[in-house]
C-alpha cells in the first residue's frame, strides 16, 4: 500500500513539473548558434510580468530578470530602478561594471566573445 502511494505521488510530481522552453542565449556574441525563432513581441511586451515574460538566468542557475519592455515590472531588465535593470545593481545586465553587464565578463550579455545568459520561457 505504501509503495502504491509513493508511486502515485511520484507520478503526480513528475506530471506537475514541466520544463521551460529554452529560447537561446541573451548575448552579443555573433558566433553563437542562432536561437529558435519566437513569436513577434515575445521580448518587447510592454505589459510583461512574471507570468508571461521570458526569464533570464545566470550560468549558475540564478534568476537574472524578466526579458520584457515593462519599465514598471519590478523584475524586468527594462526597469531602471529595479534589481535587474538598474545600471548600479551588481546583478543587473545593464551594469557595465557587474558580472552580467560588463563587456569583459564571460557571463555577460554585452561581451562579444562570451556565452551570455540562457533565456527560458515563463513556465520554468
Protein backbone atom coordinates (compact mmCIF):
# COMPACT_ATOMS: atom_id res chain seq x y z
CA UNK A 1 0.00 0.00 0.00
CA UNK A 2 2.79 2.42 0.89
CA UNK A 3 4.53 1.57 -2.36
CA UNK A 4 1.40 2.43 -4.36
CA UNK A 5 1.01 5.77 -2.58
CA UNK A 6 4.67 6.56 -3.16
CA UNK A 7 4.39 5.64 -6.86
CA UNK A 8 1.26 7.79 -7.27
CA UNK A 9 2.90 10.75 -5.55
CA UNK A 10 5.98 10.41 -7.78
CA UNK A 11 3.81 10.26 -10.90
CA UNK A 12 1.84 13.37 -9.89
CA UNK A 13 5.04 15.26 -9.07
CA UNK A 14 6.58 14.37 -12.41
CA UNK A 15 3.47 15.47 -14.32
CA UNK A 16 3.30 18.77 -12.43
CA UNK A 17 6.88 19.78 -13.14
CA UNK A 18 7.07 21.00 -16.71
CA UNK A 19 10.39 22.09 -18.04
CA UNK A 20 10.54 25.53 -19.62
CA UNK A 21 11.26 26.05 -23.26
CA UNK A 22 14.81 27.16 -23.98
CA UNK A 23 14.82 30.32 -26.12
CA UNK A 24 18.57 30.67 -26.67
CA UNK A 25 21.19 32.91 -25.07
CA UNK A 26 20.96 36.64 -24.42
CA UNK A 27 24.36 37.57 -25.79
CA UNK A 28 26.24 39.98 -28.05
CA UNK A 29 28.34 37.09 -29.38
CA UNK A 30 27.67 36.75 -33.13
CA UNK A 31 29.29 33.29 -33.32
CA UNK A 32 26.79 31.53 -31.04
CA UNK A 33 24.26 29.31 -32.82
CA UNK A 34 21.05 31.17 -33.67
CA UNK A 35 18.19 30.94 -31.22
CA UNK A 36 14.95 29.30 -32.29
CA UNK A 37 12.55 31.85 -33.78
CA UNK A 38 9.94 33.21 -31.39
CA UNK A 39 6.54 34.80 -31.98
CA UNK A 40 6.58 38.52 -32.66
CA UNK A 41 6.51 40.59 -29.46
CA UNK A 42 7.92 37.85 -27.21
CA UNK A 43 10.62 40.11 -25.79
CA UNK A 44 9.08 43.56 -26.35
CA UNK A 45 5.89 43.13 -24.34
CA UNK A 46 5.21 46.47 -22.58
CA UNK A 47 2.76 44.66 -20.28
CA UNK A 48 5.07 41.76 -19.42
CA UNK A 49 5.02 40.31 -15.93
CA UNK A 50 6.48 37.32 -14.10
CA UNK A 51 3.65 35.20 -15.51
CA UNK A 52 4.14 35.89 -19.23
CA UNK A 53 7.73 37.01 -19.84
CA UNK A 54 10.79 35.06 -20.89
CA UNK A 55 13.23 34.75 -17.99
CA UNK A 56 16.94 35.31 -17.90
CA UNK A 57 19.16 33.01 -15.80
CA UNK A 58 22.84 33.10 -14.89
CA UNK A 59 25.12 30.20 -15.78
CA UNK A 60 24.81 29.12 -12.13
CA UNK A 61 21.00 28.95 -12.42
CA UNK A 62 20.31 32.19 -10.55
CA UNK A 63 17.39 34.30 -11.77
CA UNK A 64 18.58 37.48 -13.58
CA UNK A 65 15.29 39.14 -14.53
CA UNK A 66 12.39 39.14 -16.96
CA UNK A 67 13.05 39.98 -20.61
CA UNK A 68 10.26 42.40 -21.41
CA UNK A 69 9.87 46.12 -22.08
CA UNK A 70 7.78 46.84 -18.97
CA UNK A 71 9.53 49.62 -17.05
CA UNK A 72 7.17 49.04 -14.10
CA UNK A 73 7.73 45.31 -13.70
CA UNK A 74 9.95 45.02 -10.59
CA UNK A 75 11.83 42.06 -12.14
CA UNK A 76 12.21 43.46 -15.66
CA UNK A 77 15.61 44.23 -17.17
CA UNK A 78 13.93 47.35 -18.62
CA UNK A 79 13.12 48.78 -15.16
CA UNK A 80 15.89 51.35 -14.48
CA UNK A 81 15.10 51.31 -10.75
CA UNK A 82 14.71 47.56 -10.29
CA UNK A 83 17.23 44.98 -9.12
CA UNK A 84 17.70 43.51 -12.61
CA UNK A 85 17.52 46.68 -14.73
CA UNK A 86 19.40 49.26 -12.69
CA UNK A 87 22.82 50.16 -14.02
CA UNK A 88 24.02 50.31 -10.39
CA UNK A 89 22.79 46.89 -9.26
CA UNK A 90 25.60 44.28 -9.12
CA UNK A 91 23.43 41.53 -10.66
CA UNK A 92 21.96 43.61 -13.46
CA UNK A 93 22.62 43.03 -17.18
CA UNK A 94 22.75 46.81 -17.64
CA UNK A 95 25.56 47.40 -15.12
CA UNK A 96 28.74 47.93 -17.20
CA UNK A 97 30.91 47.01 -14.20
CA UNK A 98 28.96 43.97 -12.99
CA UNK A 99 29.36 40.29 -13.83
CA UNK A 100 26.36 40.16 -16.18
CA UNK A 101 26.74 43.55 -17.92
CA UNK A 102 30.50 44.05 -18.26
CA UNK A 103 31.93 43.75 -21.77
CA UNK A 104 34.83 41.76 -20.24
CA UNK A 105 32.97 39.10 -18.24
CA UNK A 106 32.37 35.76 -19.99
CA UNK A 107 28.89 35.55 -18.40
CA UNK A 108 27.92 38.99 -19.66
CA UNK A 109 25.28 39.68 -22.28
CA UNK A 110 27.41 42.51 -23.70
CA UNK A 111 30.68 40.60 -24.18
CA UNK A 112 31.09 39.85 -27.91
CA UNK A 113 33.18 36.75 -27.06
CA UNK A 114 31.19 35.47 -24.06
CA UNK A 115 28.42 32.94 -23.77
CA UNK A 116 25.80 35.31 -22.40
CA UNK A 117 22.87 34.21 -20.30
CA UNK A 118 20.33 31.47 -21.08
CA UNK A 119 16.73 32.55 -21.69
CA UNK A 120 13.80 30.28 -20.80
CA UNK A 121 10.06 30.56 -21.23
CA UNK A 122 7.86 31.86 -18.42
CA UNK A 123 6.93 28.41 -17.11
CA UNK A 124 10.30 27.49 -15.59
